[in-house]
Structures are given as structure tokens and as C-alpha cells.
N, C-alpha and C. Protein backbone atom coordinates (compact mmCIF):
# COMPACT_ATOMS: atom_id res chain seq x y z
N MET A 1 0.33 29.08 -18.55
CA MET A 1 -0.66 30.14 -18.60
C MET A 1 -0.04 31.40 -19.18
N ASN A 2 -0.80 32.09 -20.01
CA ASN A 2 -0.33 33.40 -20.45
C ASN A 2 -0.68 34.42 -19.36
N SER A 3 -0.25 35.66 -19.52
CA SER A 3 -0.44 36.65 -18.45
C SER A 3 -1.91 36.98 -18.20
N ILE A 4 -2.76 36.93 -19.22
CA ILE A 4 -4.20 37.17 -19.01
C ILE A 4 -4.80 36.02 -18.20
N GLU A 5 -4.45 34.80 -18.54
CA GLU A 5 -4.97 33.64 -17.80
C GLU A 5 -4.48 33.65 -16.36
N LEU A 6 -3.20 33.99 -16.15
CA LEU A 6 -2.66 34.06 -14.80
C LEU A 6 -3.36 35.14 -13.98
N THR A 7 -3.60 36.27 -14.60
CA THR A 7 -4.32 37.36 -13.95
C THR A 7 -5.74 36.93 -13.58
N ALA A 8 -6.43 36.29 -14.51
CA ALA A 8 -7.79 35.81 -14.25
C ALA A 8 -7.79 34.77 -13.14
N TRP A 9 -6.81 33.87 -13.15
CA TRP A 9 -6.72 32.84 -12.11
C TRP A 9 -6.53 33.47 -10.73
N ALA A 10 -5.60 34.42 -10.62
CA ALA A 10 -5.33 35.06 -9.33
C ALA A 10 -6.59 35.72 -8.79
N HIS A 11 -7.32 36.42 -9.66
CA HIS A 11 -8.55 37.09 -9.25
C HIS A 11 -9.60 36.06 -8.80
N ALA A 12 -9.84 35.07 -9.64
CA ALA A 12 -10.87 34.07 -9.35
C ALA A 12 -10.52 33.25 -8.11
N GLU A 13 -9.27 32.93 -7.94
CA GLU A 13 -8.85 32.14 -6.78
C GLU A 13 -9.00 32.96 -5.49
N PHE A 14 -8.65 34.23 -5.54
CA PHE A 14 -8.80 35.09 -4.36
C PHE A 14 -10.27 35.19 -3.97
N VAL A 15 -11.14 35.38 -4.95
CA VAL A 15 -12.58 35.45 -4.68
C VAL A 15 -13.08 34.11 -4.15
N ARG A 16 -12.56 33.01 -4.69
CA ARG A 16 -13.00 31.68 -4.26
C ARG A 16 -12.65 31.41 -2.80
N ILE A 17 -11.45 31.78 -2.38
CA ILE A 17 -11.08 31.50 -0.98
C ILE A 17 -11.70 32.49 -0.01
N HIS A 18 -12.07 33.67 -0.49
CA HIS A 18 -12.82 34.66 0.28
C HIS A 18 -12.22 34.88 1.68
N PRO A 19 -10.98 35.42 1.75
CA PRO A 19 -10.29 35.49 3.04
C PRO A 19 -10.80 36.56 4.01
N PHE A 20 -11.52 37.56 3.53
CA PHE A 20 -11.95 38.66 4.40
C PHE A 20 -13.47 38.66 4.57
N ILE A 21 -13.92 39.27 5.64
CA ILE A 21 -15.36 39.42 5.87
C ILE A 21 -15.96 40.34 4.82
N ASP A 22 -15.23 41.40 4.47
CA ASP A 22 -15.70 42.38 3.49
C ASP A 22 -14.52 42.82 2.63
N GLY A 23 -14.78 43.21 1.40
CA GLY A 23 -13.76 43.77 0.54
C GLY A 23 -13.03 42.78 -0.35
N ASN A 24 -13.49 41.54 -0.41
CA ASN A 24 -12.82 40.55 -1.25
C ASN A 24 -12.86 40.90 -2.73
N GLY A 25 -14.01 41.37 -3.21
CA GLY A 25 -14.14 41.74 -4.63
C GLY A 25 -13.25 42.92 -4.98
N ARG A 26 -13.27 43.94 -4.16
CA ARG A 26 -12.42 45.12 -4.42
C ARG A 26 -10.95 44.75 -4.38
N THR A 27 -10.57 43.95 -3.39
CA THR A 27 -9.16 43.55 -3.28
C THR A 27 -8.74 42.70 -4.47
N SER A 28 -9.59 41.77 -4.87
CA SER A 28 -9.23 40.92 -6.01
C SER A 28 -9.15 41.71 -7.31
N ARG A 29 -9.98 42.73 -7.46
CA ARG A 29 -9.89 43.56 -8.67
C ARG A 29 -8.62 44.41 -8.64
N LEU A 30 -8.20 44.85 -7.47
CA LEU A 30 -6.92 45.58 -7.37
C LEU A 30 -5.75 44.66 -7.74
N ILE A 31 -5.77 43.45 -7.22
CA ILE A 31 -4.72 42.47 -7.56
C ILE A 31 -4.72 42.21 -9.06
N MET A 32 -5.91 42.02 -9.63
CA MET A 32 -6.03 41.75 -11.07
C MET A 32 -5.44 42.90 -11.88
N ASN A 33 -5.80 44.12 -11.54
CA ASN A 33 -5.30 45.26 -12.32
C ASN A 33 -3.81 45.48 -12.10
N TYR A 34 -3.32 45.21 -10.92
CA TYR A 34 -1.87 45.30 -10.68
C TYR A 34 -1.14 44.30 -11.59
N GLN A 35 -1.63 43.07 -11.63
CA GLN A 35 -1.00 42.06 -12.48
C GLN A 35 -1.09 42.43 -13.96
N LEU A 36 -2.21 42.97 -14.37
CA LEU A 36 -2.32 43.41 -15.76
C LEU A 36 -1.27 44.48 -16.06
N MET A 37 -1.16 45.46 -15.18
CA MET A 37 -0.25 46.59 -15.42
C MET A 37 1.21 46.15 -15.41
N ILE A 38 1.62 45.25 -14.52
CA ILE A 38 3.03 44.82 -14.52
C ILE A 38 3.36 43.97 -15.74
N ASN A 39 2.31 43.48 -16.42
CA ASN A 39 2.53 42.72 -17.65
C ASN A 39 2.28 43.55 -18.90
N GLY A 40 2.19 44.88 -18.74
CA GLY A 40 2.09 45.77 -19.90
C GLY A 40 0.69 46.02 -20.41
N PHE A 41 -0.33 45.63 -19.67
CA PHE A 41 -1.71 45.87 -20.07
C PHE A 41 -2.28 47.04 -19.29
N LEU A 42 -3.37 47.56 -19.78
CA LEU A 42 -4.08 48.62 -19.06
C LEU A 42 -5.00 47.99 -18.01
N PRO A 43 -5.27 48.72 -16.93
CA PRO A 43 -6.23 48.21 -15.96
C PRO A 43 -7.63 48.20 -16.56
N ILE A 44 -8.44 47.25 -16.13
CA ILE A 44 -9.80 47.14 -16.66
C ILE A 44 -10.81 47.44 -15.56
N SER A 45 -12.00 47.76 -15.99
CA SER A 45 -13.12 47.99 -15.08
C SER A 45 -14.26 47.09 -15.51
N ILE A 46 -14.90 46.49 -14.54
CA ILE A 46 -16.03 45.62 -14.85
C ILE A 46 -17.30 46.42 -14.62
N ALA A 47 -17.95 46.79 -15.71
CA ALA A 47 -19.15 47.63 -15.65
C ALA A 47 -20.33 46.86 -15.08
N LYS A 48 -21.27 47.60 -14.55
CA LYS A 48 -22.48 46.98 -14.00
C LYS A 48 -23.17 46.11 -15.04
N GLU A 49 -23.13 46.53 -16.30
CA GLU A 49 -23.77 45.78 -17.38
C GLU A 49 -23.13 44.40 -17.57
N SER A 50 -21.88 44.25 -17.15
CA SER A 50 -21.18 42.97 -17.27
C SER A 50 -21.25 42.16 -15.98
N GLY A 51 -21.97 42.67 -15.00
CA GLY A 51 -22.02 42.04 -13.68
C GLY A 51 -22.46 40.60 -13.69
N LEU A 52 -23.52 40.29 -14.40
CA LEU A 52 -24.02 38.92 -14.43
C LEU A 52 -22.99 37.98 -15.07
N GLU A 53 -22.42 38.41 -16.19
CA GLU A 53 -21.39 37.60 -16.85
C GLU A 53 -20.19 37.40 -15.92
N TYR A 54 -19.80 38.46 -15.21
CA TYR A 54 -18.69 38.42 -14.26
C TYR A 54 -18.96 37.40 -13.15
N TYR A 55 -20.10 37.50 -12.50
CA TYR A 55 -20.42 36.58 -11.41
C TYR A 55 -20.59 35.14 -11.89
N ASN A 56 -21.20 34.97 -13.06
CA ASN A 56 -21.36 33.62 -13.61
C ASN A 56 -20.00 32.99 -13.93
N ALA A 57 -19.10 33.79 -14.47
CA ALA A 57 -17.76 33.27 -14.80
C ALA A 57 -16.99 32.90 -13.53
N LEU A 58 -17.11 33.72 -12.49
CA LEU A 58 -16.45 33.40 -11.22
C LEU A 58 -17.06 32.16 -10.58
N GLU A 59 -18.37 32.01 -10.69
CA GLU A 59 -19.03 30.82 -10.14
C GLU A 59 -18.61 29.57 -10.90
N GLU A 60 -18.46 29.68 -12.21
CA GLU A 60 -18.00 28.55 -13.03
C GLU A 60 -16.63 28.06 -12.54
N TYR A 61 -15.77 29.01 -12.18
CA TYR A 61 -14.47 28.62 -11.66
C TYR A 61 -14.59 28.02 -10.26
N ALA A 62 -15.35 28.68 -9.39
CA ALA A 62 -15.48 28.22 -8.00
C ALA A 62 -16.11 26.83 -7.90
N VAL A 63 -17.10 26.56 -8.73
CA VAL A 63 -17.84 25.30 -8.65
C VAL A 63 -17.19 24.20 -9.48
N LYS A 64 -16.79 24.54 -10.70
CA LYS A 64 -16.30 23.50 -11.63
C LYS A 64 -14.81 23.57 -11.92
N GLY A 65 -14.13 24.62 -11.42
CA GLY A 65 -12.70 24.76 -11.69
C GLY A 65 -12.40 25.20 -13.11
N ASN A 66 -13.42 25.67 -13.82
CA ASN A 66 -13.27 26.09 -15.21
C ASN A 66 -12.95 27.59 -15.27
N LEU A 67 -11.71 27.91 -15.57
CA LEU A 67 -11.27 29.29 -15.61
C LEU A 67 -11.58 29.98 -16.94
N GLU A 68 -11.84 29.21 -17.98
CA GLU A 68 -11.97 29.76 -19.34
C GLU A 68 -12.97 30.91 -19.46
N PRO A 69 -14.19 30.82 -18.92
CA PRO A 69 -15.12 31.94 -19.08
C PRO A 69 -14.60 33.24 -18.47
N PHE A 70 -13.94 33.15 -17.32
CA PHE A 70 -13.44 34.38 -16.69
C PHE A 70 -12.22 34.92 -17.44
N ALA A 71 -11.33 34.04 -17.87
CA ALA A 71 -10.16 34.48 -18.64
C ALA A 71 -10.62 35.16 -19.95
N GLU A 72 -11.65 34.60 -20.57
CA GLU A 72 -12.18 35.20 -21.80
C GLU A 72 -12.80 36.57 -21.52
N LEU A 73 -13.47 36.72 -20.38
CA LEU A 73 -14.04 38.02 -20.02
C LEU A 73 -12.95 39.05 -19.81
N VAL A 74 -11.89 38.69 -19.10
CA VAL A 74 -10.78 39.63 -18.89
C VAL A 74 -10.15 40.00 -20.23
N ALA A 75 -9.92 39.02 -21.08
CA ALA A 75 -9.33 39.29 -22.40
C ALA A 75 -10.24 40.20 -23.23
N LYS A 76 -11.55 39.95 -23.18
CA LYS A 76 -12.51 40.76 -23.94
C LYS A 76 -12.49 42.21 -23.45
N LEU A 77 -12.45 42.41 -22.14
CA LEU A 77 -12.42 43.77 -21.60
C LEU A 77 -11.12 44.47 -21.97
N GLU A 78 -10.03 43.74 -21.98
CA GLU A 78 -8.73 44.31 -22.37
C GLU A 78 -8.76 44.70 -23.85
N GLU A 79 -9.35 43.86 -24.69
CA GLU A 79 -9.45 44.17 -26.12
C GLU A 79 -10.32 45.41 -26.36
N GLN A 80 -11.39 45.56 -25.58
CA GLN A 80 -12.24 46.74 -25.71
C GLN A 80 -11.45 48.01 -25.43
N LEU A 81 -10.56 47.98 -24.43
CA LEU A 81 -9.73 49.15 -24.14
C LEU A 81 -8.85 49.48 -25.33
N ASP A 82 -8.25 48.46 -25.94
CA ASP A 82 -7.41 48.69 -27.11
C ASP A 82 -8.20 49.32 -28.26
N THR A 83 -9.44 48.86 -28.44
CA THR A 83 -10.30 49.41 -29.48
C THR A 83 -10.59 50.88 -29.21
N TYR A 84 -10.92 51.21 -27.96
CA TYR A 84 -11.20 52.60 -27.60
C TYR A 84 -9.99 53.50 -27.83
N ILE A 85 -8.83 53.00 -27.48
CA ILE A 85 -7.60 53.80 -27.67
C ILE A 85 -7.35 54.03 -29.15
N GLN A 86 -7.57 53.03 -29.98
CA GLN A 86 -7.39 53.19 -31.42
C GLN A 86 -8.37 54.20 -31.99
N LEU A 87 -9.60 54.22 -31.46
CA LEU A 87 -10.60 55.20 -31.93
C LEU A 87 -10.19 56.62 -31.57
N ILE A 88 -9.58 56.79 -30.42
CA ILE A 88 -9.13 58.11 -30.00
C ILE A 88 -8.01 58.61 -30.90
N LYS A 89 -7.12 57.71 -31.28
CA LYS A 89 -6.00 58.11 -32.13
C LYS A 89 -6.51 58.49 -33.49
């Protein structure tokens, strides 16, 4: 796995096992962003507009074990940050 896939897996797996009564999503997003940052990426935010895609991708992993949609979403959000930074420069 590359670092984006590993980050996506850690997030999706944490959400899948759902260890806490409350705060699983927030905790998993913190873990995801920590892993992104230690691998040289910027932290990402999942906007409300991406909510359906986010939940569908996590469900795809939880039900079918298919990580690809969620890994692609994380990679897409990371690429968007790079685009925004280039526009600022």
C-alpha cells in the first residue's frame, strides 16, 4: 500500500470497527490527518458536499472490503489542496 491507501485503510477500518459510543468519525479523521501529515501531505477536510460520496465509500469498504473508492476520495481531496496552493502561488 502507498501512504494514501494506508491512510484510507486506517480511517475506514477504524470507522468499521466503531469502538466508541460517540466520536468515531472525528477520531478517525484525526488519525487520517495525522497519518497524512507524517507522510508529508497536508491534512484534508471532508466538506458537507462530499458527505454522500464519503459515506458511500466507507460503506463499500465495510460491506464489501473494497477500499478503492475511499482511497480515491482521499487522493482526490489531497490533489485539490495541491491545486489550491498552486493557484495561490
